[in-house]
Amino acid sequence: MPFLKDILKHKSVSLIGLEKNTGKTECLNYVLGQLKCSGHRVAVTSVGLDGESSDQVTNTPKPEINLYENLIFATSEKHYRQKKVTAEILDVSDRKTALGRLITAKARFEGKCIISGPSDTMWLKNLIGSMNKYDVDITLVDGAISRRSLASPAVTDCMLLATGAAVSANLQQLVKRTKFAVDLIQLPCFPGQLSVDIQDLESGTWAVDKNGEIQVLEEGSSLHLNTSSKDIFRFGSTFFFSGMITDRVLDQLSRQQNGQLIRVIVKDFTRIFVSPEKLLKFEREGGKIFVLNRSELIAVCVNPYSPQGYHLDSDAMINALAGVLTVPVFDVKRISA
């Protein structure tokens, strides 16, 4: 397995799809198949629902999640009852998901199961931590593009990104969208002691003055940043946003920029909701975005097939993406064939 050694360096890995039907579950099954013979104890769960036999939106067939002997898995009560595998229950949670309590179990033989895990990222983080009592070496988390917060370095140690023809039938557009996502994931960490000082600021918008002191600009969300009543550059041009940043935030900063080089700091890439066009304009004007915590992207996995019936050439996809990305790119169906 090309990236097995990189996965085994970590305690938890999230798998995120750039869109639905980009081959995320195929990638998960491939990773599970390789870890099966690694000698490591593995656990698997999901944020939301995954592993169903057909897609609920497109009604097209989907691969189920393949479990193997001694694999630990956490899923909802409803889907535990529907499992196609003999298993031993290890724990039943007090909390409930929309599909019932969370069941943690160990597969006794090979089989299949729908995986529907914790309903929020803090619960997920606690679940990953609890796997230590089962001597789990690594936990895999099957995610969803709508819940990319699970890929935060505060939740999982690293991630795999799935992209493919479902993102766009146009190869250039596919490459553009994938590169933008990877660029956000790989934004640089803010250097120096200041990054430690602001790590625990949980709310508000802050500025850094010329003495390196942290000054509050807004008590609430960055979405309420008011540029009409106050000069937001009154303390300096380095800002920390504890929440999310959007196109509107970048526009507000640009309007009062006045030739200053702006530095924006956020917790991690999951807090950034900006368009490629706005980010490019912001950077051309001298702006730069930093993160406090950076997610390690291990690899990008591609799926050349779309549920709409069209497909792209696998080699062309891999070559085009490899030409603009700094991480390995694989078609897992081809390397596992």
C-alpha atoms as a PDB file:
ATOM      1  CA  MET A   1       0.000   0.000   0.000  1.00  0.00           C
ATOM      2  CA  PRO A   2       1.629   3.256  -1.152  1.00  0.00           C
ATOM      3  CA  PHE A   3       0.671   5.364   1.882  1.00  0.00           C
ATOM      4  CA  LEU A   4       0.363   2.683   4.591  1.00  0.00           C
ATOM      5  CA  LYS A   5       3.529   3.785   6.416  1.00  0.00           C
ATOM      6  CA  ASP A   6       2.197   7.355   6.618  1.00  0.00           C
ATOM      7  CA  ILE A   7      -1.145   6.228   8.033  1.00  0.00           C
ATOM      8  CA  LEU A   8       0.519   4.064  10.674  1.00  0.00           C
ATOM      9  CA  LYS A   9       2.324   7.105  12.101  1.00  0.00           C
ATOM     10  CA  HIS A  10      -0.973   8.387  13.466  1.00  0.00           C
ATOM     11  CA  LYS A  11      -3.685   7.450  15.954  1.00  0.00           C
ATOM     12  CA  SER A  12      -6.623   8.697  13.883  1.00  0.00           C
ATOM     13  CA  VAL A  13      -7.335   9.340  10.202  1.00  0.00           C
ATOM     14  CA  SER A  14     -10.366  11.016   8.620  1.00  0.00           C
ATOM     15  CA  LEU A  15     -11.518  10.339   5.074  1.00  0.00           C
ATOM     16  CA  ILE A  16     -13.255  13.302   3.439  1.00  0.00           C
ATOM     17  CA  GLY A  17     -14.946  13.498   0.064  1.00  0.00           C
ATOM     18  CA  LEU A  18     -14.789  16.707  -1.957  1.00  0.00           C
ATOM     19  CA  GLU A  19     -18.317  15.816  -3.122  1.00  0.00           C
ATOM     20  CA  LYS A  20     -20.650  12.851  -2.741  1.00  0.00           C
ATOM     21  CA  ASN A  21     -19.732   9.784  -4.803  1.00  0.00           C
ATOM     22  CA  THR A  22     -16.039  10.598  -5.095  1.00  0.00           C
ATOM     23  CA  GLY A  23     -15.012   7.125  -3.906  1.00  0.00           C
ATOM     24  CA  LYS A  24     -14.511   7.819  -0.211  1.00  0.00           C
ATOM     25  CA  THR A  25     -15.925   4.470   0.908  1.00  0.00           C
ATOM     26  CA  GLU A  26     -13.866   2.661  -1.732  1.00  0.00           C
ATOM     27  CA  CYS A  27     -10.820   4.389  -0.284  1.00  0.00           C
ATOM     28  CA  LEU A  28     -11.834   3.357   3.249  1.00  0.00           C
ATOM     29  CA  ASN A  29     -12.287  -0.276   2.208  1.00  0.00           C
ATOM     30  CA  TYR A  30      -8.894  -0.218   0.521  1.00  0.00           C
ATOM     31  CA  VAL A  31      -7.220   1.165   3.654  1.00  0.00           C
ATOM     32  CA  LEU A  32      -9.013  -1.373   5.860  1.00  0.00           C
ATOM     33  CA  GLY A  33      -7.951  -4.197   3.550  1.00  0.00           C
ATOM     34  CA  GLN A  34      -4.314  -3.165   3.812  1.00  0.00           C
ATOM     35  CA  LEU A  35      -4.380  -2.577   7.576  1.00  0.00           C
ATOM     36  CA  LYS A  36      -5.900  -6.033   8.072  1.00  0.00           C
ATOM     37  CA  CYS A  37      -2.475  -7.661   7.714  1.00  0.00           C
ATOM     38  CA  SER A  38      -0.454  -4.887   9.362  1.00  0.00           C
ATOM     39  CA  GLY A  39      -0.500  -6.330  12.879  1.00  0.00           C
ATOM     40  CA  HIS A  40      -2.192  -3.184  14.229  1.00  0.00           C
ATOM     41  CA  ARG A  41      -5.531  -3.057  16.069  1.00  0.00           C
ATOM     42  CA  VAL A  42      -7.888  -0.909  14.005  1.00  0.00           C
ATOM     43  CA  ALA A  43     -11.214   0.783  14.726  1.00  0.00           C
ATOM     44  CA  VAL A  44     -13.660   2.417  12.320  1.00  0.00           C
ATOM     45  CA  THR A  45     -16.565   4.823  12.752  1.00  0.00           C
ATOM     46  CA  SER A  46     -18.285   7.602  10.864  1.00  0.00           C
ATOM     47  CA  VAL A  47     -19.749  11.054  11.301  1.00  0.00           C
ATOM     48  CA  GLY A  48     -23.225  10.757   9.897  1.00  0.00           C
ATOM     49  CA  LEU A  49     -24.287   7.790   7.790  1.00  0.00           C
ATOM     50  CA  ASP A  50     -22.014   5.703   5.581  1.00  0.00           C
ATOM     51  CA  GLY A  51     -21.809   2.184   4.244  1.00  0.00           C
ATOM     52  CA  GLU A  52     -25.364   2.001   2.863  1.00  0.00           C
ATOM     53  CA  SER A  53     -25.748  -0.245  -0.176  1.00  0.00           C
ATOM     54  CA  SER A  54     -27.231   2.501  -2.374  1.00  0.00           C
ATOM     55  CA  ASP A  55     -26.853   6.270  -2.389  1.00  0.00           C
ATOM     56  CA  GLN A  56     -29.888   7.957  -0.836  1.00  0.00           C
ATOM     57  CA  VAL A  57     -29.718  10.884  -3.281  1.00  0.00           C
ATOM     58  CA  THR A  58     -28.810   9.341  -6.654  1.00  0.00           C
ATOM     59  CA  ASN A  59     -30.196   5.839  -5.936  1.00  0.00           C
ATOM     60  CA  THR A  60     -27.035   4.325  -7.401  1.00  0.00           C
ATOM     61  CA  PRO A  61     -25.214   1.321  -5.868  1.00  0.00           C
ATOM     62  CA  LYS A  62     -22.621   2.100  -3.201  1.00  0.00           C
ATOM     63  CA  PRO A  63     -19.903  -0.113  -1.745  1.00  0.00           C
ATOM     64  CA  GLU A  64     -20.601  -1.370   1.767  1.00  0.00           C
ATOM     65  CA  ILE A  65     -17.929  -1.195   4.462  1.00  0.00           C
ATOM     66  CA  ASN A  66     -16.012  -4.446   4.780  1.00  0.00           C
ATOM     67  CA  LEU A  67     -15.255  -5.515   8.356  1.00  0.00           C
ATOM     68  CA  TYR A  68     -12.752  -8.206   9.269  1.00  0.00           C
ATOM     69  CA  GLU A  69     -12.103 -10.365  12.309  1.00  0.00           C
ATOM     70  CA  ASN A  70     -11.177  -8.391  15.467  1.00  0.00           C
ATOM     71  CA  LEU A  71     -11.869  -5.019  13.838  1.00  0.00           C
ATOM     72  CA  ILE A  72     -13.502  -2.604  16.298  1.00  0.00           C
ATOM     73  CA  PHE A  73     -16.435  -0.602  14.933  1.00  0.00           C
ATOM     74  CA  ALA A  74     -18.832   1.998  16.333  1.00  0.00           C
ATOM     75  CA  THR A  75     -22.250   2.449  14.777  1.00  0.00           C
ATOM     76  CA  SER A  76     -25.803   3.346  15.729  1.00  0.00           C
ATOM     77  CA  GLU A  77     -28.202   0.955  17.414  1.00  0.00           C
ATOM     78  CA  LYS A  78     -30.375   0.748  14.298  1.00  0.00           C
ATOM     79  CA  HIS A  79     -27.533  -0.238  11.995  1.00  0.00           C
ATOM     80  CA  TYR A  80     -25.960  -2.565  14.515  1.00  0.00           C
ATOM     81  CA  ARG A  81     -29.183  -4.603  14.395  1.00  0.00           C
ATOM     82  CA  GLN A  82     -28.972  -4.672  10.573  1.00  0.00           C
ATOM     83  CA  LYS A  83     -25.311  -5.741  10.431  1.00  0.00           C
ATOM     84  CA  LYS A  84     -24.182  -8.681   8.281  1.00  0.00           C
ATOM     85  CA  VAL A  85     -21.428  -9.774  10.644  1.00  0.00           C
ATOM     86  CA  THR A  86     -21.142 -11.664  13.926  1.00  0.00           C
ATOM     87  CA  ALA A  87     -19.898  -9.261  16.590  1.00  0.00           C
ATOM     88  CA  GLU A  88     -19.287  -8.866  20.302  1.00  0.00           C
ATOM     89  CA  ILE A  89     -20.692  -5.737  21.959  1.00  0.00           C
ATOM     90  CA  LEU A  90     -18.042  -3.829  23.915  1.00  0.00           C
ATOM     91  CA  ASP A  91     -19.975  -0.707  24.919  1.00  0.00           C
ATOM     92  CA  VAL A  92     -23.404   0.934  24.631  1.00  0.00           C
ATOM     93  CA  SER A  93     -23.384   4.716  24.970  1.00  0.00           C
ATOM     94  CA  ASP A  94     -25.672   6.724  27.242  1.00  0.00           C
ATOM     95  CA  ARG A  95     -26.072   9.330  24.511  1.00  0.00           C
ATOM     96  CA  LYS A  96     -28.224   8.819  21.434  1.00  0.00           C
ATOM     97  CA  THR A  97     -27.820   9.647  17.782  1.00  0.00           C
ATOM     98  CA  ALA A  98     -30.877  10.126  15.575  1.00  0.00           C
ATOM     99  CA  LEU A  99     -30.613   6.374  14.924  1.00  0.00           C
ATOM    100  CA  GLY A 100     -30.324   5.288  18.541  1.00  0.00           C
ATOM    101  CA  ARG A 101     -27.510   4.714  21.014  1.00  0.00           C
ATOM    102  CA  LEU A 102     -23.956   4.235  19.785  1.00  0.00           C
ATOM    103  CA  ILE A 103     -22.779   0.624  19.861  1.00  0.00           C
ATOM    104  CA  THR A 104     -19.052  -0.159  20.009  1.00  0.00           C
ATOM    105  CA  ALA A 105     -18.369  -3.759  19.013  1.00  0.00           C
ATOM    106  CA  LYS A 106     -15.686  -6.170  17.792  1.00  0.00           C
ATOM    107  CA  ALA A 107     -16.218  -8.208  14.638  1.00  0.00           C
ATOM    108  CA  ARG A 108     -15.799 -11.936  15.254  1.00  0.00           C
ATOM    109  CA  PHE A 109     -15.645 -12.825  11.557  1.00  0.00           C
ATOM    110  CA  GLU A 110     -15.606 -10.994   8.222  1.00  0.00           C
ATOM    111  CA  GLY A 111     -18.805  -9.227   7.213  1.00  0.00           C
ATOM    112  CA  LYS A 112     -20.438  -5.918   6.370  1.00  0.00           C
ATOM    113  CA  CYS A 113     -22.139  -3.152   8.314  1.00  0.00           C
ATOM    114  CA  ILE A 114     -23.579   0.303   7.780  1.00  0.00           C
ATOM    115  CA  ILE A 115     -21.540   2.721   9.875  1.00  0.00           C
ATOM    116  CA  SER A 116     -23.397   5.677  11.407  1.00  0.00           C
ATOM    117  CA  GLY A 117     -21.398   7.199  14.224  1.00  0.00           C
ATOM    118  CA  PRO A 118     -21.357  10.166  16.623  1.00  0.00           C
ATOM    119  CA  SER A 119     -23.513  13.163  15.749  1.00  0.00           C
ATOM    120  CA  ASP A 120     -20.980  15.868  16.674  1.00  0.00           C
ATOM    121  CA  THR A 121     -17.221  16.358  16.574  1.00  0.00           C
ATOM    122  CA  MET A 122     -16.671  16.558  20.339  1.00  0.00           C
ATOM    123  CA  TRP A 123     -18.404  13.209  20.792  1.00  0.00           C
ATOM    124  CA  LEU A 124     -16.278  11.843  17.971  1.00  0.00           C
ATOM    125  CA  LYS A 125     -13.100  13.137  19.604  1.00  0.00           C
ATOM    126  CA  ASN A 126     -14.063  11.484  22.907  1.00  0.00           C
ATOM    127  CA  LEU A 127     -14.883   8.235  21.100  1.00  0.00           C
ATOM    128  CA  ILE A 128     -11.461   8.186  19.437  1.00  0.00           C
ATOM    129  CA  GLY A 129      -9.850   8.727  22.830  1.00  0.00           C
ATOM    130  CA  SER A 130     -11.882   5.901  24.369  1.00  0.00           C
ATOM    131  CA  MET A 131     -10.465   3.415  21.867  1.00  0.00           C
ATOM    132  CA  ASN A 132      -7.292   3.231  23.973  1.00  0.00           C
ATOM    133  CA  LYS A 133      -9.055   0.900  26.402  1.00  0.00           C
ATOM    134  CA  TYR A 134      -9.480  -1.612  23.568  1.00  0.00           C
ATOM    135  CA  ASP A 135      -5.782  -1.337  22.644  1.00  0.00           C
ATOM    136  CA  VAL A 136      -6.679   0.287  19.317  1.00  0.00           C
ATOM    137  CA  ASP A 137      -3.642   1.590  17.442  1.00  0.00           C
ATOM    138  CA  ILE A 138      -5.479   3.622  14.808  1.00  0.00           C
ATOM    139  CA  THR A 139      -9.067   4.825  14.307  1.00  0.00           C
ATOM    140  CA  LEU A 140     -10.443   5.512  10.824  1.00  0.00           C
ATOM    141  CA  VAL A 141     -13.289   8.018  10.529  1.00  0.00           C
ATOM    142  CA  ASP A 142     -15.464   8.018   7.438  1.00  0.00           C
ATOM    143  CA  GLY A 143     -16.650  11.571   6.994  1.00  0.00           C
ATOM    144  CA  ALA A 144     -18.812  13.774   4.822  1.00  0.00           C
ATOM    145  CA  ILE A 145     -18.001  16.939   2.912  1.00  0.00           C
ATOM    146  CA  SER A 146     -20.803  18.722   4.788  1.00  0.00           C
ATOM    147  CA  ARG A 147     -19.091  17.792   8.075  1.00  0.00           C
ATOM    148  CA  ARG A 148     -15.511  18.667   7.232  1.00  0.00           C
ATOM    149  CA  SER A 149     -14.969  19.843  10.828  1.00  0.00           C
ATOM    150  CA  LEU A 150     -14.134  16.214  11.683  1.00  0.00           C
ATOM    151  CA  ALA A 151     -10.947  16.688   9.630  1.00  0.00           C
ATOM    152  CA  SER A 152      -9.827  19.408  12.022  1.00  0.00           C
ATOM    153  CA  PRO A 153      -6.463  18.594  13.622  1.00  0.00           C
ATOM    154  CA  ALA A 154      -8.291  19.056  16.935  1.00  0.00           C
ATOM    155  CA  VAL A 155     -10.271  15.876  16.132  1.00  0.00           C
ATOM    156  CA  THR A 156      -8.196  13.594  13.900  1.00  0.00           C
ATOM    157  CA  ASP A 157      -4.428  13.518  13.373  1.00  0.00           C
ATOM    158  CA  CYS A 158      -4.442  13.410   9.573  1.00  0.00           C
ATOM    159  CA  MET A 159      -6.679  12.925   6.580  1.00  0.00           C
ATOM    160  CA  LEU A 160      -7.212  11.449   3.133  1.00  0.00           C
ATOM    161  CA  LEU A 161      -9.141  13.425   0.514  1.00  0.00           C
ATOM    162  CA  ALA A 162     -11.313  11.782  -2.139  1.00  0.00           C
ATOM    163  CA  THR A 163     -12.063  13.579  -5.393  1.00  0.00           C
ATOM    164  CA  GLY A 164     -13.261  12.484  -8.798  1.00  0.00           C
ATOM    165  CA  ALA A 165     -15.569  12.788 -11.766  1.00  0.00           C
ATOM    166  CA  ALA A 166     -18.542  13.505  -9.485  1.00  0.00           C
ATOM    167  CA  VAL A 167     -16.910  16.882  -8.718  1.00  0.00           C
ATOM    168  CA  SER A 168     -16.888  17.902 -12.392  1.00  0.00           C
ATOM    169  CA  ALA A 169     -17.046  16.285 -15.822  1.00  0.00           C
ATOM    170  CA  ASN A 170     -14.446  18.849 -16.915  1.00  0.00           C
ATOM    171  CA  LEU A 171     -10.923  17.775 -15.945  1.00  0.00           C
ATOM    172  CA  GLN A 172      -9.647  21.362 -15.638  1.00  0.00           C
ATOM    173  CA  GLN A 173     -12.487  22.288 -13.284  1.00  0.00           C
ATOM    174  CA  LEU A 174     -11.916  19.114 -11.283  1.00  0.00           C
ATOM    175  CA  VAL A 175      -8.225  19.946 -10.878  1.00  0.00           C
ATOM    176  CA  LYS A 176      -8.999  23.579  -9.988  1.00  0.00           C
ATOM    177  CA  ARG A 177     -11.499  22.658  -7.257  1.00  0.00           C
ATOM    178  CA  THR A 178      -9.307  19.916  -5.828  1.00  0.00           C
ATOM    179  CA  LYS A 179      -6.220  22.126  -5.765  1.00  0.00           C
ATOM    180  CA  PHE A 180      -8.138  24.886  -3.976  1.00  0.00           C
ATOM    181  CA  ALA A 181      -9.278  22.417  -1.288  1.00  0.00           C
ATOM    182  CA  VAL A 182      -5.732  21.092  -0.867  1.00  0.00           C
ATOM    183  CA  ASP A 183      -4.314  24.630  -0.724  1.00  0.00           C
ATOM    184  CA  LEU A 184      -6.644  25.427   2.190  1.00  0.00           C
ATOM    185  CA  ILE A 185      -5.704  22.218   3.997  1.00  0.00           C
ATOM    186  CA  GLN A 186      -2.007  23.051   3.568  1.00  0.00           C
ATOM    187  CA  LEU A 187      -2.110  26.705   4.644  1.00  0.00           C
ATOM    188  CA  PRO A 188       0.999  27.590   6.683  1.00  0.00           C
ATOM    189  CA  CYS A 189       0.995  27.700  10.483  1.00  0.00           C
ATOM    190  CA  PHE A 190       1.410  31.108  12.067  1.00  0.00           C
ATOM    191  CA  PRO A 191       4.922  31.289  13.520  1.00  0.00           C
ATOM    192  CA  GLY A 192       6.126  32.386  16.929  1.00  0.00           C
ATOM    193  CA  GLN A 193       4.873  32.635  20.501  1.00  0.00           C
ATOM    194  CA  LEU A 194       1.750  34.544  19.487  1.00  0.00           C
ATOM    195  CA  SER A 195       0.250  31.365  18.074  1.00  0.00           C
ATOM    196  CA  VAL A 196       0.453  29.839  21.563  1.00  0.00           C
ATOM    197  CA  ASP A 197      -1.019  32.941  23.231  1.00  0.00           C
ATOM    198  CA  ILE A 198      -4.152  33.011  21.049  1.00  0.00           C
ATOM    199  CA  GLN A 199      -4.737  29.254  20.906  1.00  0.00           C
ATOM    200  CA  ASP A 200      -7.288  29.316  23.748  1.00  0.00           C
ATOM    201  CA  LEU A 201      -9.317  32.314  22.582  1.00  0.00           C
ATOM    202  CA  GLU A 202     -12.695  30.734  21.905  1.00  0.00           C
ATOM    203  CA  SER A 203     -14.808  33.660  20.714  1.00  0.00           C
ATOM    204  CA  GLY A 204     -14.503  37.065  19.114  1.00  0.00           C
ATOM    205  CA  THR A 205     -12.281  38.831  16.602  1.00  0.00           C
ATOM    206  CA  TRP A 206      -8.887  40.033  17.773  1.00  0.00           C
ATOM    207  CA  ALA A 207      -6.065  42.268  16.523  1.00  0.00           C
ATOM    208  CA  VAL A 208      -2.377  42.301  17.363  1.00  0.00           C
ATOM    209  CA  ASP A 209      -0.894  45.719  18.134  1.00  0.00           C
ATOM    210  CA  LYS A 210       2.652  46.958  17.457  1.00  0.00           C
ATOM    211  CA  ASN A 211       3.799  45.653  20.866  1.00  0.00           C
ATOM    212  CA  GLY A 212       2.535  42.153  20.112  1.00  0.00           C
ATOM    213  CA  GLU A 213      -0.396  42.548  22.536  1.00  0.00           C
ATOM    214  CA  ILE A 214      -3.760  40.991  21.699  1.00  0.00           C
ATOM    215  CA  GLN A 215      -6.651  43.474  21.488  1.00  0.00           C
ATOM    216  CA  VAL A 216     -10.326  42.590  21.114  1.00  0.00           C
ATOM    217  CA  LEU A 217     -12.131  44.026  18.065  1.00  0.00           C
ATOM    218  CA  GLU A 218     -15.473  42.251  18.330  1.00  0.00           C
ATOM    219  CA  GLU A 219     -16.888  40.134  21.132  1.00  0.00           C
ATOM    220  CA  GLY A 220     -19.109  38.099  18.833  1.00  0.00           C
ATOM    221  CA  SER A 221     -18.854  36.339  15.495  1.00  0.00           C
ATOM    222  CA  SER A 222     -16.615  37.596  12.708  1.00  0.00           C
ATOM    223  CA  LEU A 223     -19.814  37.825  10.656  1.00  0.00           C
ATOM    224  CA  HIS A 224     -20.761  40.841  12.810  1.00  0.00           C
ATOM    225  CA  LEU A 225     -17.480  42.666  12.207  1.00  0.00           C
ATOM    226  CA  ASN A 226     -18.549  46.272  11.733  1.00  0.00           C
ATOM    227  CA  THR A 227     -16.314  48.263   9.426  1.00  0.00           C
ATOM    228  CA  SER A 228     -18.492  51.368   9.217  1.00  0.00           C
ATOM    229  CA  SER A 229     -18.292  52.528  12.848  1.00  0.00           C
ATOM    230  CA  LYS A 230     -14.660  51.833  13.751  1.00  0.00           C
ATOM    231  CA  ASP A 231     -11.305  51.563  12.066  1.00  0.00           C
ATOM    232  CA  ILE A 232     -10.576  47.842  12.314  1.00  0.00           C
ATOM    233  CA  PHE A 233      -6.909  48.604  11.609  1.00  0.00           C
ATOM    234  CA  ARG A 234      -6.578  50.821  14.689  1.00  0.00           C
ATOM    235  CA  PHE A 235      -4.375  48.243  16.450  1.00  0.00           C
ATOM    236  CA  GLY A 236      -2.564  46.849  13.415  1.00  0.00           C
ATOM    237  CA  SER A 237      -3.049  44.602  10.401  1.00  0.00           C
ATOM    238  CA  THR A 238      -2.748  41.148  12.008  1.00  0.00           C
ATOM    239  CA  PHE A 239      -6.097  39.614  12.948  1.00  0.00           C
ATOM    240  CA  PHE A 240      -7.240  36.434  14.675  1.00  0.00           C
ATOM    241  CA  PHE A 241     -10.727  35.129  13.957  1.00  0.00           C
ATOM    242  CA  SER A 242     -11.815  32.519  16.486  1.00  0.00           C
ATOM    243  CA  GLY A 243     -14.788  31.542  14.306  1.00  0.00           C
ATOM    244  CA  MET A 244     -15.129  31.274  10.562  1.00  0.00           C
ATOM    245  CA  ILE A 245     -14.002  33.631   7.827  1.00  0.00           C
ATOM    246  CA  THR A 246     -16.063  34.195   4.693  1.00  0.00           C
ATOM    247  CA  ASP A 247     -15.940  36.225   1.490  1.00  0.00           C
ATOM    248  CA  ARG A 248     -17.683  39.026   3.401  1.00  0.00           C
ATOM    249  CA  VAL A 249     -14.887  39.147   5.982  1.00  0.00           C
ATOM    250  CA  LEU A 250     -12.206  39.370   3.276  1.00  0.00           C
ATOM    251  CA  ASP A 251     -14.185  42.132   1.545  1.00  0.00           C
ATOM    252  CA  GLN A 252     -14.432  44.080   4.808  1.00  0.00           C
ATOM    253  CA  LEU A 253     -10.700  43.856   5.361  1.00  0.00           C
ATOM    254  CA  SER A 254      -9.912  44.847   1.772  1.00  0.00           C
ATOM    255  CA  ARG A 255     -12.143  47.945   1.922  1.00  0.00           C
ATOM    256  CA  GLN A 256     -10.077  49.441   4.759  1.00  0.00           C
ATOM    257  CA  GLN A 257      -6.741  47.949   3.753  1.00  0.00           C
ATOM    258  CA  ASN A 258      -5.103  51.223   2.665  1.00  0.00           C
ATOM    259  CA  GLY A 259      -1.984  49.499   1.344  1.00  0.00           C
ATOM    260  CA  GLN A 260      -1.343  47.533   4.535  1.00  0.00           C
ATOM    261  CA  LEU A 261      -0.207  43.918   4.388  1.00  0.00           C
ATOM    262  CA  ILE A 262      -2.935  41.963   6.156  1.00  0.00           C
ATOM    263  CA  ARG A 263      -2.308  38.755   8.079  1.00  0.00           C
ATOM    264  CA  VAL A 264      -5.367  36.698   9.011  1.00  0.00           C
ATOM    265  CA  ILE A 265      -5.117  33.835  11.510  1.00  0.00           C
ATOM    266  CA  VAL A 266      -7.739  31.109  12.040  1.00  0.00           C
ATOM    267  CA  LYS A 267      -7.801  27.939  14.137  1.00  0.00           C
ATOM    268  CA  ASP A 268      -7.554  25.586  11.146  1.00  0.00           C
ATOM    269  CA  PHE A 269      -8.701  25.148   7.556  1.00  0.00           C
ATOM    270  CA  THR A 270     -12.189  23.961   8.576  1.00  0.00           C
ATOM    271  CA  ARG A 271     -12.981  27.560   9.621  1.00  0.00           C
ATOM    272  CA  ILE A 272     -12.416  28.957   6.104  1.00  0.00           C
ATOM    273  CA  PHE A 273     -15.442  29.410   3.836  1.00  0.00           C
ATOM    274  CA  VAL A 274     -14.183  31.617   1.028  1.00  0.00           C
ATOM    275  CA  SER A 275     -14.338  31.363  -2.742  1.00  0.00           C
ATOM    276  CA  PRO A 276     -11.194  30.864  -4.848  1.00  0.00           C
ATOM    277  CA  GLU A 277     -11.797  34.225  -6.533  1.00  0.00           C
ATOM    278  CA  LYS A 278     -12.035  36.183  -3.272  1.00  0.00           C
ATOM    279  CA  LEU A 279      -8.987  34.465  -1.806  1.00  0.00           C
ATOM    280  CA  LEU A 280      -6.918  35.162  -4.932  1.00  0.00           C
ATOM    281  CA  LYS A 281      -7.934  38.846  -4.872  1.00  0.00           C
ATOM    282  CA  PHE A 282      -7.103  39.061  -1.146  1.00  0.00           C
ATOM    283  CA  GLU A 283      -3.657  37.548  -1.696  1.00  0.00           C
ATOM    284  CA  ARG A 284      -2.910  39.763  -4.702  1.00  0.00           C
ATOM    285  CA  GLU A 285      -3.599  42.780  -2.500  1.00  0.00           C
ATOM    286  CA  GLY A 286      -0.995  41.574  -0.002  1.00  0.00           C
ATOM    287  CA  GLY A 287      -3.196  39.531   2.310  1.00  0.00           C
ATOM    288  CA  LYS A 288      -2.153  36.182   3.744  1.00  0.00           C
ATOM    289  CA  ILE A 289      -4.059  33.548   5.745  1.00  0.00           C
ATOM    290  CA  PHE A 290      -2.420  31.423   8.433  1.00  0.00           C
ATOM    291  CA  VAL A 291      -3.686  28.618  10.665  1.00  0.00           C
ATOM    292  CA  LEU A 292      -2.835  27.773  14.257  1.00  0.00           C
ATOM    293  CA  ASN A 293      -3.158  24.039  13.634  1.00  0.00           C
ATOM    294  CA  ARG A 294      -2.492  22.353  10.314  1.00  0.00           C
ATOM    295  CA  SER A 295      -4.028  19.072   9.167  1.00  0.00           C
ATOM    296  CA  GLU A 296      -1.639  16.587   7.590  1.00  0.00           C
ATOM    297  CA  LEU A 297      -2.983  15.501   4.228  1.00  0.00           C
ATOM    298  CA  ILE A 298      -1.524  12.070   3.457  1.00  0.00           C
ATOM    299  CA  ALA A 299      -2.855  11.507  -0.057  1.00  0.00           C
ATOM    300  CA  VAL A 300      -5.580  12.312  -2.573  1.00  0.00           C
ATOM    301  CA  CYS A 301      -7.613   9.393  -3.916  1.00  0.00           C
ATOM    302  CA  VAL A 302      -9.455   9.708  -7.225  1.00  0.00           C
ATOM    303  CA  ASN A 303     -12.584   8.098  -8.619  1.00  0.00           C
ATOM    304  CA  PRO A 304     -12.878   8.504 -12.400  1.00  0.00           C
ATOM    305  CA  TYR A 305     -16.560   7.428 -12.433  1.00  0.00           C
ATOM    306  CA  SER A 306     -19.606   9.613 -11.813  1.00  0.00           C
ATOM    307  CA  PRO A 307     -23.075   8.350 -10.794  1.00  0.00           C
ATOM    308  CA  GLN A 308     -24.423  10.384 -13.728  1.00  0.00           C
ATOM    309  CA  GLY A 309     -22.862   7.815 -16.047  1.00  0.00           C
ATOM    310  CA  TYR A 310     -19.792   9.590 -17.401  1.00  0.00           C
ATOM    311  CA  HIS A 311     -16.191   8.889 -16.509  1.00  0.00           C
ATOM    312  CA  LEU A 312     -12.784  10.472 -16.936  1.00  0.00           C
ATOM    313  CA  ASP A 313      -9.509   8.825 -17.848  1.00  0.00           C
ATOM    314  CA  SER A 314      -7.817   7.691 -14.639  1.00  0.00           C
ATOM    315  CA  ASP A 315      -4.268   8.308 -15.857  1.00  0.00           C
ATOM    316  CA  ALA A 316      -5.179  11.784 -17.107  1.00  0.00           C
ATOM    317  CA  MET A 317      -6.730  12.639 -13.721  1.00  0.00           C
ATOM    318  CA  ILE A 318      -3.754  11.374 -11.751  1.00  0.00           C
ATOM    319  CA  ASN A 319      -1.214  13.135 -13.961  1.00  0.00           C
ATOM    320  CA  ALA A 320      -3.119  16.435 -13.966  1.00  0.00           C
ATOM    321  CA  LEU A 321      -3.539  16.447 -10.184  1.00  0.00           C
ATOM    322  CA  ALA A 322      -0.006  15.240  -9.490  1.00  0.00           C
ATOM    323  CA  GLY A 323       1.260  18.153 -11.575  1.00  0.00           C
ATOM    324  CA  VAL A 324      -0.246  20.755  -9.216  1.00  0.00           C
ATOM    325  CA  LEU A 325      -0.368  18.988  -5.812  1.00  0.00           C
ATOM    326  CA  THR A 326       2.411  18.263  -3.340  1.00  0.00           C
ATOM    327  CA  VAL A 327       0.864  15.016  -2.042  1.00  0.00           C
ATOM    328  CA  PRO A 328       0.597  11.580  -3.724  1.00  0.00           C
ATOM    329  CA  VAL A 329      -2.434  10.902  -5.932  1.00  0.00           C
ATOM    330  CA  PHE A 330      -3.889   7.381  -6.344  1.00  0.00           C
ATOM    331  CA  ASP A 331      -6.766   5.535  -7.956  1.00  0.00           C
ATOM    332  CA  VAL A 332      -7.269   2.919  -5.235  1.00  0.00           C
ATOM    333  CA  LYS A 333      -9.397   0.651  -7.426  1.00  0.00           C
ATOM    334  CA  ARG A 334      -6.523   0.324  -9.865  1.00  0.00           C
ATOM    335  CA  ILE A 335      -3.777  -0.331  -7.316  1.00  0.00           C
ATOM    336  CA  SER A 336      -5.959  -2.878  -5.501  1.00  0.00           C
ATOM    337  CA  ALA A 337      -6.981  -4.719  -8.682  1.00  0.00           C
END
